[in-house]
PDB file of N, CA and C in Angstrom:
ATOM      1  N   MET A   1      93.213  96.941 100.778  1.00  0.00           N
ATOM      2  CA  MET A   1      94.397  97.437 100.120  1.00  0.00           C
ATOM      3  C   MET A   1      95.565  96.448 100.238  1.00  0.00           C
ATOM      4  N   LEU A   2      95.800  95.923 101.446  1.00  0.00           N
ATOM      5  CA  LEU A   2      96.942  95.015 101.618  1.00  0.00           C
ATOM      6  C   LEU A   2      96.750  93.713 100.858  1.00  0.00           C
ATOM      7  N   PHE A   3      95.503  93.248 100.767  1.00  0.00           N
ATOM      8  CA  PHE A   3      95.294  92.033  99.984  1.00  0.00           C
ATOM      9  C   PHE A   3      95.559  92.315  98.503  1.00  0.00           C
ATOM     10  N   ASP A   4      95.239  93.517  98.043  1.00  0.00           N
ATOM     11  CA  ASP A   4      95.596  93.891  96.668  1.00  0.00           C
ATOM     12  C   ASP A   4      97.112  93.869  96.487  1.00  0.00           C
ATOM     13  N   ASN A   5      97.843  94.357  97.486  1.00  0.00           N
ATOM     14  CA  ASN A   5      99.311  94.305  97.433  1.00  0.00           C
ATOM     15  C   ASN A   5      99.799  92.860  97.378  1.00  0.00           C
ATOM     16  N   THR A   6      99.162  91.995  98.170  1.00  0.00           N
ATOM     17  CA  THR A   6      99.525  90.575  98.177  1.00  0.00           C
ATOM     18  C   THR A   6      99.316  89.969  96.793  1.00  0.00           C
ATOM     19  N   LYS A   7      98.175  90.262  96.184  1.00  0.00           N
ATOM     20  CA  LYS A   7      97.908  89.747  94.836  1.00  0.00           C
ATOM     21  C   LYS A   7      98.924  90.297  93.829  1.00  0.00           C
ATOM     22  N   THR A   8      99.320  91.557  94.001  1.00  0.00           N
ATOM     23  CA  THR A   8     100.332  92.145  93.123  1.00  0.00           C
ATOM     24  C   THR A   8     101.658  91.404  93.260  1.00  0.00           C
ATOM     25  N   ILE A   9     102.008  91.011  94.485  1.00  0.00           N
ATOM     26  CA  ILE A   9     103.244  90.256  94.711  1.00  0.00           C
ATOM     27  C   ILE A   9     103.183  88.903  94.003  1.00  0.00           C
ATOM     28  N   PHE A  10     102.068  88.193  94.148  1.00  0.00           N
ATOM     29  CA  PHE A  10     101.932  86.899  93.471  1.00  0.00           C
ATOM     30  C   PHE A  10     101.991  87.072  91.950  1.00  0.00           C
ATOM     31  N   GLU A  11     101.340  88.101  91.439  1.00  0.00           N
ATOM     32  CA  GLU A  11     101.360  88.339  89.991  1.00  0.00           C
ATOM     33  C   GLU A  11     102.775  88.681  89.518  1.00  0.00           C
ATOM     34  N   ALA A  12     103.497  89.462  90.312  1.00  0.00           N
ATOM     35  CA  ALA A  12     104.883  89.797  89.962  1.00  0.00           C
ATOM     36  C   ALA A  12     105.760  88.549  89.968  1.00  0.00           C
ATOM     37  N   GLN A  13     105.507  87.623  90.904  1.00  0.00           N
ATOM     38  CA  GLN A  13     106.252  86.357  90.905  1.00  0.00           C
ATOM     39  C   GLN A  13     105.945  85.571  89.630  1.00  0.00           C
ATOM     40  N   LYS A  14     104.678  85.517  89.282  1.00  0.00           N
ATOM     41  CA  LYS A  14     104.256  84.756  88.104  1.00  0.00           C
ATOM     42  C   LYS A  14     104.855  85.330  86.821  1.00  0.00           C
ATOM     43  N   THR A  15     104.920  86.660  86.729  1.00  0.00           N
ATOM     44  CA  THR A  15     105.394  87.311  85.503  1.00  0.00           C
ATOM     45  C   THR A  15     106.884  87.649  85.549  1.00  0.00           C
ATOM     46  N   LYS A  16     107.558  87.213  86.613  1.00  0.00           N
ATOM     47  CA  LYS A  16     109.005  87.428  86.782  1.00  0.00           C
ATOM     48  C   LYS A  16     109.364  88.913  86.863  1.00  0.00           C
ATOM     49  N   ASN A  17     108.469  89.706  87.443  1.00  0.00           N
ATOM     50  CA  ASN A  17     108.665  91.146  87.548  1.00  0.00           C
ATOM     51  C   ASN A  17     109.356  91.480  88.871  1.00  0.00           C
ATOM     52  N   VAL A  18     110.658  91.339  88.895  1.00  0.00           N
ATOM     53  CA  VAL A  18     111.440  91.511  90.119  1.00  0.00           C
ATOM     54  C   VAL A  18     111.424  92.960  90.601  1.00  0.00           C
ATOM     55  N   SER A  19     111.360  93.917  89.704  1.00  0.00           N
ATOM     56  CA  SER A  19     111.363  95.320  90.142  1.00  0.00           C
ATOM     57  C   SER A  19     110.097  95.650  90.928  1.00  0.00           C
ATOM     58  N   THR A  20     108.961  95.093  90.538  1.00  0.00           N
ATOM     59  CA  THR A  20     107.735  95.287  91.316  1.00  0.00           C
ATOM     60  C   THR A  20     107.871  94.624  92.674  1.00  0.00           C
ATOM     61  N   LEU A  21     108.352  93.389  92.695  1.00  0.00           N
ATOM     62  CA  LEU A  21     108.557  92.688  93.970  1.00  0.00           C
ATOM     63  C   LEU A  21     109.473  93.476  94.890  1.00  0.00           C
ATOM     64  N   ASP A  22     110.542  93.970  94.349  1.00  0.00           N
ATOM     65  CA  ASP A  22     111.538  94.706  95.118  1.00  0.00           C
ATOM     66  C   ASP A  22     110.909  95.877  95.873  1.00  0.00           C
ATOM     67  N   GLY A  23     109.953  96.549  95.253  1.00  0.00           N
ATOM     68  CA  GLY A  23     109.310  97.696  95.877  1.00  0.00           C
ATOM     69  C   GLY A  23     108.360  97.356  97.002  1.00  0.00           C
ATOM     70  N   PHE A  24     107.904  96.105  97.073  1.00  0.00           N
ATOM     71  CA  PHE A  24     106.940  95.702  98.100  1.00  0.00           C
ATOM     72  C   PHE A  24     107.585  95.032  99.311  1.00  0.00           C
ATOM     73  N   LEU A  25     108.869  94.686  99.241  1.00  0.00           N
ATOM     74  CA  LEU A  25     109.525  93.941 100.317  1.00  0.00           C
ATOM     75  C   LEU A  25     110.387  94.851 101.180  1.00  0.00           C
ATOM     76  N   THR A  26     110.416  94.585 102.498  1.00  0.00           N
ATOM     77  CA  THR A  26     111.359  95.289 103.361  1.00  0.00           C
ATOM     78  C   THR A  26     112.766  94.798 103.039  1.00  0.00           C
ATOM     79  N   SER A  27     113.751  95.570 103.435  1.00  0.00           N
ATOM     80  CA  SER A  27     115.140  95.175 103.162  1.00  0.00           C
ATOM     81  C   SER A  27     115.531  93.908 103.915  1.00  0.00           C
ATOM     82  N   ASP A  28     114.840  93.621 105.032  1.00  0.00           N
ATOM     83  CA  ASP A  28     115.146  92.427 105.830  1.00  0.00           C
ATOM     84  C   ASP A  28     114.064  91.349 105.694  1.00  0.00           C
ATOM     85  N   PHE A  29     113.338  91.344 104.572  1.00  0.00           N
ATOM     86  CA  PHE A  29     112.273  90.367 104.329  1.00  0.00           C
ATOM     87  C   PHE A  29     112.787  88.934 104.498  1.00  0.00           C
ATOM     88  N   ARG A  30     111.938  88.080 105.082  1.00  0.00           N
ATOM     89  CA  ARG A  30     112.220  86.647 105.212  1.00  0.00           C
ATOM     90  C   ARG A  30     110.945  85.875 104.891  1.00  0.00           C
ATOM     91  N   GLN A  31     111.120  84.641 104.421  1.00  0.00           N
ATOM     92  CA  GLN A  31     109.994  83.760 104.145  1.00  0.00           C
ATOM     93  C   GLN A  31     110.311  82.361 104.634  1.00  0.00           C
ATOM     94  N   VAL A  32     109.338  81.739 105.288  1.00  0.00           N
ATOM     95  CA  VAL A  32     109.407  80.310 105.568  1.00  0.00           C
ATOM     96  C   VAL A  32     108.568  79.651 104.483  1.00  0.00           C
ATOM     97  N   GLY A  33     109.231  78.879 103.631  1.00  0.00           N
ATOM     98  CA  GLY A  33     108.546  78.226 102.524  1.00  0.00           C
ATOM     99  C   GLY A  33     107.733  77.031 102.979  1.00  0.00           C
ATOM    100  N   SER A  34     106.966  76.474 102.053  1.00  0.00           N
ATOM    101  CA  SER A  34     106.100  75.338 102.373  1.00  0.00           C
ATOM    102  C   SER A  34     106.892  74.105 102.790  1.00  0.00           C
ATOM    103  N   GLU A  35     108.206  74.094 102.506  1.00  0.00           N
ATOM    104  CA  GLU A  35     109.060  72.975 102.922  1.00  0.00           C
ATOM    105  C   GLU A  35     109.629  73.194 104.317  1.00  0.00           C
ATOM    106  N   GLY A  36     109.313  74.350 104.933  1.00  0.00           N
ATOM    107  CA  GLY A  36     109.753  74.629 106.299  1.00  0.00           C
ATOM    108  C   GLY A  36     111.099  75.316 106.418  1.00  0.00           C
ATOM    109  N   MET A  37     111.702  75.706 105.303  1.00  0.00           N
ATOM    110  CA  MET A  37     113.019  76.343 105.317  1.00  0.00           C
ATOM    111  C   MET A  37     112.875  77.867 105.292  1.00  0.00           C
ATOM    112  N   LEU A  38     113.794  78.542 105.991  1.00  0.00           N
ATOM    113  CA  LEU A  38     113.826  79.998 106.008  1.00  0.00           C
ATOM    114  C   LEU A  38     114.595  80.509 104.789  1.00  0.00           C
ATOM    115  N   HIS A  39     113.987  81.452 104.072  1.00  0.00           N
ATOM    116  CA  HIS A  39     114.594  82.035 102.873  1.00  0.00           C
ATOM    117  C   HIS A  39     114.718  83.540 103.064  1.00  0.00           C
ATOM    118  N   ASP A  40     115.803  84.107 102.570  1.00  0.00           N
ATOM    119  CA  ASP A  40     115.975  85.554 102.679  1.00  0.00           C
ATOM    120  C   ASP A  40     115.410  86.251 101.437  1.00  0.00           C
ATOM    121  N   ARG A  41     115.507  87.549 101.460  1.00  0.00           N
ATOM    122  CA  ARG A  41     114.974  88.390 100.391  1.00  0.00           C
ATOM    123  C   ARG A  41     115.565  88.014  99.033  1.00  0.00           C
ATOM    124  N   LYS A  42     116.872  87.810  98.980  1.00  0.00           N
ATOM    125  CA  LYS A  42     117.539  87.483  97.718  1.00  0.00           C
ATOM    126  C   LYS A  42     117.012  86.171  97.139  1.00  0.00           C
ATOM    127  N   GLU A  43     116.834  85.159  97.975  1.00  0.00           N
ATOM    128  CA  GLU A  43     116.303  83.877  97.495  1.00  0.00           C
ATOM    129  C   GLU A  43     114.890  84.046  96.939  1.00  0.00           C
ATOM    130  N   PHE A  44     114.073  84.842  97.639  1.00  0.00           N
ATOM    131  CA  PHE A  44     112.702  85.095  97.195  1.00  0.00           C
ATOM    132  C   PHE A  44     112.706  85.754  95.813  1.00  0.00           C
ATOM    133  N   LEU A  45     113.543  86.765  95.638  1.00  0.00           N
ATOM    134  CA  LEU A  45     113.631  87.458  94.350  1.00  0.00           C
ATOM    135  C   LEU A  45     114.221  86.552  93.267  1.00  0.00           C
ATOM    136  N   ASP A  46     115.228  85.747  93.621  1.00  0.00           N
ATOM    137  CA  ASP A  46     115.824  84.813  92.655  1.00  0.00           C
ATOM    138  C   ASP A  46     114.801  83.790  92.169  1.00  0.00           C
ATOM    139  N   ASP A  47     113.942  83.313  93.071  1.00  0.00           N
ATOM    140  CA  ASP A  47     112.891  82.372  92.671  1.00  0.00           C
ATOM    141  C   ASP A  47     111.943  83.010  91.661  1.00  0.00           C
ATOM    142  N   ALA A  48     111.658  84.294  91.848  1.00  0.00           N
ATOM    143  CA  ALA A  48     110.783  84.989  90.901  1.00  0.00           C
ATOM    144  C   ALA A  48     111.425  85.047  89.517  1.00  0.00           C
ATOM    145  N   VAL A  49     112.721  85.304  89.471  1.00  0.00           N
ATOM    146  CA  VAL A  49     113.442  85.340  88.194  1.00  0.00           C
ATOM    147  C   VAL A  49     113.334  83.990  87.489  1.00  0.00           C
ATOM    148  N   GLU A  50     113.391  82.913  88.268  1.00  0.00           N
ATOM    149  CA  GLU A  50     113.301  81.559  87.700  1.00  0.00           C
ATOM    150  C   GLU A  50     111.902  81.237  87.198  1.00  0.00           C
ATOM    151  N   GLY A  51     110.892  81.947  87.678  1.00  0.00           N
ATOM    152  CA  GLY A  51     109.527  81.728  87.205  1.00  0.00           C
ATOM    153  C   GLY A  51     108.879  80.467  87.728  1.00  0.00           C
ATOM    154  N   TYR A  52     109.145  80.119  88.987  1.00  0.00           N
ATOM    155  CA  TYR A  52     108.573  78.897  89.557  1.00  0.00           C
ATOM    156  C   TYR A  52     107.052  78.952  89.680  1.00  0.00           C
ATOM    157  N   LEU A  53     106.486  80.121  89.977  1.00  0.00           N
ATOM    158  CA  LEU A  53     105.034  80.240  90.126  1.00  0.00           C
ATOM    159  C   LEU A  53     104.387  80.324  88.747  1.00  0.00           C
ATOM    160  N   LYS A  54     103.481  79.387  88.470  1.00  0.00           N
ATOM    161  CA  LYS A  54     102.825  79.334  87.163  1.00  0.00           C
ATOM    162  C   LYS A  54     101.396  79.867  87.221  1.00  0.00           C
ATOM    163  N   GLU A  55     100.637  79.479  88.224  1.00  0.00           N
ATOM    164  CA  GLU A  55      99.246  79.914  88.398  1.00  0.00           C
ATOM    165  C   GLU A  55      98.955  79.994  89.886  1.00  0.00           C
ATOM    166  N   TYR A  56      97.957  80.807  90.249  1.00  0.00           N
ATOM    167  CA  TYR A  56      97.582  80.928  91.657  1.00  0.00           C
ATOM    168  C   TYR A  56      96.151  81.432  91.783  1.00  0.00           C
ATOM    169  N   SER A  57      95.533  81.116  92.894  1.00  0.00           N
ATOM    170  CA  SER A  57      94.235  81.652  93.285  1.00  0.00           C
ATOM    171  C   SER A  57      94.281  81.840  94.797  1.00  0.00           C
ATOM    172  N   LEU A  58      93.911  83.021  95.277  1.00  0.00           N
ATOM    173  CA  LEU A  58      93.978  83.347  96.704  1.00  0.00           C
ATOM    174  C   LEU A  58      92.579  83.651  97.217  1.00  0.00           C
ATOM    175  N   TYR A  59      92.274  83.206  98.447  1.00  0.00           N
ATOM    176  CA  TYR A  59      90.925  83.395  98.987  1.00  0.00           C
ATOM    177  C   TYR A  59      90.936  83.272 100.511  1.00  0.00           C
ATOM    178  N   ASP A  60      89.784  83.484 101.122  1.00  0.00           N
ATOM    179  CA  ASP A  60      89.568  83.355 102.572  1.00  0.00           C
ATOM    180  C   ASP A  60      90.541  84.240 103.363  1.00  0.00           C
ATOM    181  N   VAL A  61      90.475  85.527 103.098  1.00  0.00           N
ATOM    182  CA  VAL A  61      91.408  86.499 103.669  1.00  0.00           C
ATOM    183  C   VAL A  61      90.924  86.980 105.030  1.00  0.00           C
ATOM    184  N   LYS A  62      91.855  87.064 105.969  1.00  0.00           N
ATOM    185  CA  LYS A  62      91.566  87.613 107.295  1.00  0.00           C
ATOM    186  C   LYS A  62      92.701  88.552 107.679  1.00  0.00           C
ATOM    187  N   LEU A  63      92.343  89.643 108.352  1.00  0.00           N
ATOM    188  CA  LEU A  63      93.316  90.645 108.765  1.00  0.00           C
ATOM    189  C   LEU A  63      93.358  90.704 110.286  1.00  0.00           C
ATOM    190  N   VAL A  64      94.559  90.619 110.851  1.00  0.00           N
ATOM    191  CA  VAL A  64      94.768  90.735 112.293  1.00  0.00           C
ATOM    192  C   VAL A  64      95.579  92.006 112.529  1.00  0.00           C
ATOM    193  N   HIS A  65      94.977  92.947 113.242  1.00  0.00           N
ATOM    194  CA  HIS A  65      95.639  94.220 113.530  1.00  0.00           C
ATOM    195  C   HIS A  65      96.632  94.013 114.673  1.00  0.00           C
ATOM    196  N   VAL A  66      97.904  94.310 114.449  1.00  0.00           N
ATOM    197  CA  VAL A  66      98.930  94.216 115.486  1.00  0.00           C
ATOM    198  C   VAL A  66      99.062  95.567 116.180  1.00  0.00           C
ATOM    199  N   ASP A  67      99.315  96.607 115.405  1.00  0.00           N
ATOM    200  CA  ASP A  67      99.324  97.983 115.905  1.00  0.00           C
ATOM    201  C   ASP A  67      99.160  98.905 114.697  1.00  0.00           C
ATOM    202  N   ASP A  68      99.361 100.199 114.893  1.00  0.00           N
ATOM    203  CA  ASP A  68      99.151 101.148 113.794  1.00  0.00           C
ATOM    204  C   ASP A  68     100.107 100.937 112.624  1.00  0.00           C
ATOM    205  N   ASN A  69     101.214 100.262 112.860  1.00  0.00           N
ATOM    206  CA  ASN A  69     102.230 100.086 111.821  1.00  0.00           C
ATOM    207  C   ASN A  69     102.490  98.639 111.442  1.00  0.00           C
ATOM    208  N   ALA A  70     101.625  97.725 111.864  1.00  0.00           N
ATOM    209  CA  ALA A  70     101.833  96.311 111.541  1.00  0.00           C
ATOM    210  C   ALA A  70     100.507  95.554 111.543  1.00  0.00           C
ATOM    211  N   VAL A  71     100.328  94.696 110.550  1.00  0.00           N
ATOM    212  CA  VAL A  71      99.166  93.816 110.475  1.00  0.00           C
ATOM    213  C   VAL A  71      99.624  92.448 109.982  1.00  0.00           C
ATOM    214  N   ILE A  72      98.851  91.443 110.343  1.00  0.00           N
ATOM    215  CA  ILE A  72      99.066  90.094 109.824  1.00  0.00           C
ATOM    216  C   ILE A  72      97.893  89.781 108.910  1.00  0.00           C
ATOM    217  N   LEU A  73      98.200  89.371 107.699  1.00  0.00           N
ATOM    218  CA  LEU A  73      97.198  89.000 106.718  1.00  0.00           C
ATOM    219  C   LEU A  73      97.297  87.490 106.514  1.00  0.00           C
ATOM    220  N   THR A  74      96.199  86.783 106.770  1.00  0.00           N
ATOM    221  CA  THR A  74      96.188  85.337 106.530  1.00  0.00           C
ATOM    222  C   THR A  74      95.234  85.050 105.376  1.00  0.00           C
ATOM    223  N   TYR A  75      95.557  84.014 104.617  1.00  0.00           N
ATOM    224  CA  TYR A  75      94.722  83.651 103.479  1.00  0.00           C
ATOM    225  C   TYR A  75      95.108  82.250 103.022  1.00  0.00           C
ATOM    226  N   LYS A  76      94.274  81.700 102.161  1.00  0.00           N
ATOM    227  CA  LYS A  76      94.541  80.388 101.582  1.00  0.00           C
ATOM    228  C   LYS A  76      94.859  80.567 100.107  1.00  0.00           C
ATOM    229  N   GLY A  77      95.626  79.635  99.579  1.00  0.00           N
ATOM    230  CA  GLY A  77      95.987  79.710  98.176  1.00  0.00           C
ATOM    231  C   GLY A  77      95.990  78.350  97.510  1.00  0.00           C
ATOM    232  N   ILE A  78      95.704  78.373  96.231  1.00  0.00           N
ATOM    233  CA  ILE A  78      95.832  77.196  95.369  1.00  0.00           C
ATOM    234  C   ILE A  78      96.898  77.572  94.344  1.00  0.00           C
ATOM    235  N   LEU A  79      97.997  76.826  94.331  1.00  0.00           N
ATOM    236  CA  LEU A  79      99.148  77.190  93.507  1.00  0.00           C
ATOM    237  C   LEU A  79      99.544  76.080  92.544  1.00  0.00           C
ATOM    238  N   HIS A  80     100.048  76.495  91.408  1.00  0.00           N
ATOM    239  CA  HIS A  80     100.795  75.593  90.539  1.00  0.00           C
ATOM    240  C   HIS A  80     102.184  76.201  90.490  1.00  0.00           C
ATOM    241  N   GLN A  81     103.096  75.570  91.228  1.00  0.00           N
ATOM    242  CA  GLN A  81     104.425  76.148  91.415  1.00  0.00           C
ATOM    243  C   GLN A  81     105.457  75.036  91.455  1.00  0.00           C
ATOM    244  N   LEU A  82     106.564  75.261  90.781  1.00  0.00           N
ATOM    245  CA  LEU A  82     107.661  74.299  90.801  1.00  0.00           C
ATOM    246  C   LEU A  82     108.589  74.612  91.959  1.00  0.00           C
ATOM    247  N   GLU A  83     109.209  73.587  92.487  1.00  0.00           N
ATOM    248  CA  GLU A  83     110.246  73.758  93.507  1.00  0.00           C
ATOM    249  C   GLU A  83     111.424  72.889  93.122  1.00  0.00           C
ATOM    250  N   GLY A  84     112.580  73.498  93.009  1.00  0.00           N
ATOM    251  CA  GLY A  84     113.789  72.716  92.753  1.00  0.00           C
ATOM    252  C   GLY A  84     113.774  72.025  91.410  1.00  0.00           C
ATOM    253  N   ASP A  85     114.046  70.745  91.409  1.00  0.00           N
ATOM    254  CA  ASP A  85     114.180  69.968  90.177  1.00  0.00           C
ATOM    255  C   ASP A  85     112.832  69.471  89.678  1.00  0.00           C
ATOM    256  N   ASP A  86     111.997  70.392  89.247  1.00  0.00           N
ATOM    257  CA  ASP A  86     110.681  70.080  88.685  1.00  0.00           C
ATOM    258  C   ASP A  86     109.767  69.320  89.643  1.00  0.00           C
ATOM    259  N   VAL A  87     109.987  69.469  90.933  1.00  0.00           N
ATOM    260  CA  VAL A  87     109.071  68.890  91.917  1.00  0.00           C
ATOM    261  C   VAL A  87     108.029  69.956  92.217  1.00  0.00           C
ATOM    262  N   LEU A  88     106.770  69.576  92.199  1.00  0.00           N
ATOM    263  CA  LEU A  88     105.723  70.551  92.460  1.00  0.00           C
ATOM    264  C   LEU A  88     105.633  70.880  93.940  1.00  0.00           C
ATOM    265  N   ALA A  89     105.445  72.151  94.244  1.00  0.00           N
ATOM    266  CA  ALA A  89     105.174  72.586  95.614  1.00  0.00           C
ATOM    267  C   ALA A  89     103.756  72.142  95.971  1.00  0.00           C
ATOM    268  N   PRO A  90     103.436  72.077  97.266  1.00  0.00           N
ATOM    269  CA  PRO A  90     102.066  71.721  97.649  1.00  0.00           C
ATOM    270  C   PRO A  90     101.060  72.651  96.969  1.00  0.00           C
ATOM    271  N   ARG A  91     100.036  72.075  96.395  1.00  0.00           N
ATOM    272  CA  ARG A  91      99.044  72.855  95.647  1.00  0.00           C
ATOM    273  C   ARG A  91      98.204  73.739  96.568  1.00  0.00           C
ATOM    274  N   TYR A  92      97.786  73.204  97.696  1.00  0.00           N
ATOM    275  CA  TYR A  92      96.926  73.939  98.627  1.00  0.00           C
ATOM    276  C   TYR A  92      97.761  74.379  99.820  1.00  0.00           C
ATOM    277  N   GLN A  93      97.756  75.692 100.086  1.00  0.00           N
ATOM    278  CA  GLN A  93      98.588  76.222 101.161  1.00  0.00           C
ATOM    279  C   GLN A  93      97.840  77.283 101.960  1.00  0.00           C
ATOM    280  N   HIS A  94      98.242  77.422 103.233  1.00  0.00           N
ATOM    281  CA  HIS A  94      97.830  78.535 104.087  1.00  0.00           C
ATOM    282  C   HIS A  94      98.995  79.520 104.104  1.00  0.00           C
ATOM    283  N   PHE A  95      98.690  80.808 104.090  1.00  0.00           N
ATOM    284  CA  PHE A  95      99.719  81.844 104.136  1.00  0.00           C
ATOM    285  C   PHE A  95      99.461  82.799 105.289  1.00  0.00           C
ATOM    286  N   SER A  96     100.536  83.273 105.888  1.00  0.00           N
ATOM    287  CA  SER A  96     100.488  84.348 106.879  1.00  0.00           C
ATOM    288  C   SER A  96     101.553  85.358 106.488  1.00  0.00           C
ATOM    289  N   ASP A  97     101.128  86.599 106.282  1.00  0.00           N
ATOM    290  CA  ASP A  97     102.035  87.680 105.891  1.00  0.00           C
ATOM    291  C   ASP A  97     102.071  88.736 106.985  1.00  0.00           C
ATOM    292  N   LEU A  98     103.249  89.201 107.320  1.00  0.00           N
ATOM    293  CA  LEU A  98     103.402  90.337 108.232  1.00  0.00           C
ATOM    294  C   LEU A  98     103.720  91.565 107.390  1.00  0.00           C
ATOM    295  N   TRP A  99     102.803  92.523 107.400  1.00  0.00           N
ATOM    296  CA  TRP A  99     102.979  93.789 106.696  1.00  0.00           C
ATOM    297  C   TRP A  99     103.318  94.865 107.707  1.00  0.00           C
ATOM    298  N   VAL A 100     104.315  95.692 107.398  1.00  0.00           N
ATOM    299  CA  VAL A 100     104.704  96.796 108.279  1.00  0.00           C
ATOM    300  C   VAL A 100     104.663  98.098 107.480  1.00  0.00           C
ATOM    301  N   LYS A 101     104.298  99.154 108.179  1.00  0.00           N
ATOM    302  CA  LYS A 101     104.239 100.463 107.535  1.00  0.00           C
ATOM    303  C   LYS A 101     105.579 101.158 107.698  1.00  0.00           C
ATOM    304  N   GLN A 102     106.171 101.549 106.579  1.00  0.00           N
ATOM    305  CA  GLN A 102     107.437 102.289 106.571  1.00  0.00           C
ATOM    306  C   GLN A 102     107.167 103.617 105.878  1.00  0.00           C
ATOM    307  N   GLY A 103     107.134 104.690 106.670  1.00  0.00           N
ATOM    308  CA  GLY A 103     106.727 105.981 106.122  1.00  0.00           C
ATOM    309  C   GLY A 103     105.257 105.914 105.775  1.00  0.00           C
ATOM    310  N   ASP A 104     104.928 106.162 104.513  1.00  0.00           N
ATOM    311  CA  ASP A 104     103.528 106.070 104.088  1.00  0.00           C
ATOM    312  C   ASP A 104     103.256 104.818 103.249  1.00  0.00           C
ATOM    313  N   GLN A 105     104.197 103.880 103.212  1.00  0.00           N
ATOM    314  CA  GLN A 105     104.042 102.664 102.412  1.00  0.00           C
ATOM    315  C   GLN A 105     103.996 101.419 103.292  1.00  0.00           C
ATOM    316  N   TRP A 106     103.160 100.465 102.886  1.00  0.00           N
ATOM    317  CA  TRP A 106     103.125  99.155 103.530  1.00  0.00           C
ATOM    318  C   TRP A 106     104.082  98.232 102.785  1.00  0.00           C
ATOM    319  N   LYS A 107     104.920  97.529 103.546  1.00  0.00           N
ATOM    320  CA  LYS A 107     105.906  96.610 102.966  1.00  0.00           C
ATOM    321  C   LYS A 107     105.736  95.225 103.597  1.00  0.00           C
ATOM    322  N   LEU A 108     105.993  94.200 102.806  1.00  0.00           N
ATOM    323  CA  LEU A 108     105.940  92.828 103.300  1.00  0.00           C
ATOM    324  C   LEU A 108     107.262  92.500 103.981  1.00  0.00           C
ATOM    325  N   LYS A 109     107.184  92.164 105.268  1.00  0.00           N
ATOM    326  CA  LYS A 109     108.378  91.865 106.063  1.00  0.00           C
ATOM    327  C   LYS A 109     108.599  90.362 106.210  1.00  0.00           C
ATOM    328  N   TYR A 110     107.501  89.593 106.286  1.00  0.00           N
ATOM    329  CA  TYR A 110     107.631  88.169 106.581  1.00  0.00           C
ATOM    330  C   TYR A 110     106.451  87.424 105.971  1.00  0.00           C
ATOM    331  N   ARG A 111     106.716  86.243 105.417  1.00  0.00           N
ATOM    332  CA  ARG A 111     105.662  85.362 104.905  1.00  0.00           C
ATOM    333  C   ARG A 111     105.957  83.939 105.351  1.00  0.00           C
ATOM    334  N   GLN A 112     104.907  83.260 105.785  1.00  0.00           N
ATOM    335  CA  GLN A 112     105.003  81.837 106.118  1.00  0.00           C
ATOM    336  C   GLN A 112     103.998  81.089 105.259  1.00  0.00           C
ATOM    337  N   SER A 113     104.461  80.040 104.597  1.00  0.00           N
ATOM    338  CA  SER A 113     103.608  79.168 103.791  1.00  0.00           C
ATOM    339  C   SER A 113     103.526  77.815 104.483  1.00  0.00           C
ATOM    340  N   THR A 114     102.309  77.325 104.641  1.00  0.00           N
ATOM    341  CA  THR A 114     102.106  76.031 105.289  1.00  0.00           C
ATOM    342  C   THR A 114     101.243  75.160 104.388  1.00  0.00           C
ATOM    343  N   PRO A 115     101.699  73.956 104.028  1.00  0.00           N
ATOM    344  CA  PRO A 115     100.871  73.075 103.204  1.00  0.00           C
ATOM    345  C   PRO A 115      99.583  72.713 103.943  1.00  0.00           C
ATOM    346  N   ARG A 116      98.483  72.692 103.213  1.00  0.00           N
ATOM    347  CA  ARG A 116      97.219  72.245 103.801  1.00  0.00           C
ATOM    348  C   ARG A 116      97.196  70.725 103.815  1.00  0.00           C
ATOM    349  N   ARG A 117      96.686  70.201 104.902  1.00  0.00           N
ATOM    350  CA  ARG A 117      96.523  68.747 104.993  1.00  0.00           C
ATOM    351  C   ARG A 117      95.260  68.340 104.243  1.00  0.00           C
ATOM    352  N   SER A 118      95.165  67.112 103.869  1.00  0.00           N
ATOM    353  CA  SER A 118      93.999  66.647 103.111  1.00  0.00           C
ATOM    354  C   SER A 118      92.708  66.743 103.920  1.00  0.00           C
ATOM    355  N   ILE A 119      92.808  66.813 105.250  1.00  0.00           N
ATOM    356  CA  ILE A 119      91.600  66.913 106.073  1.00  0.00           C
ATOM    357  C   ILE A 119      91.192  68.360 106.346  1.00  0.00           C
ATOM    358  N   ASP A 120      91.979  69.333 105.895  1.00  0.00           N
ATOM    359  CA  ASP A 120      91.660  70.754 106.130  1.00  0.00           C
ATOM    360  C   ASP A 120      90.527  71.226 105.251  1.00  0.00           C
TER     361      ASP A 120
END
């Protein structure tokens, strides 16, 4: 289920569907991008409006149970995504997502993107 939510988030980024994204993120969501910078919820949503994500493929999913209300989802991705002034983001990335349960809904609280090295 959570990986389906993750795919929905990527699809919402690709299609610039900010209202869908908004429903999946905690109010204090943060992301460390592939460039190593910390981004807040507003920056994440603003990037979706800009349509930086063009294509994606996600695979090799693993789930780490933290407790009844939190899990870490790790996976790999192949992205075609712009960053800034038409500079491409790293194509191959590792992702770690922290999902927390709020009431009866799972929300994305934190995401870390790490570029894959050529030897990975």
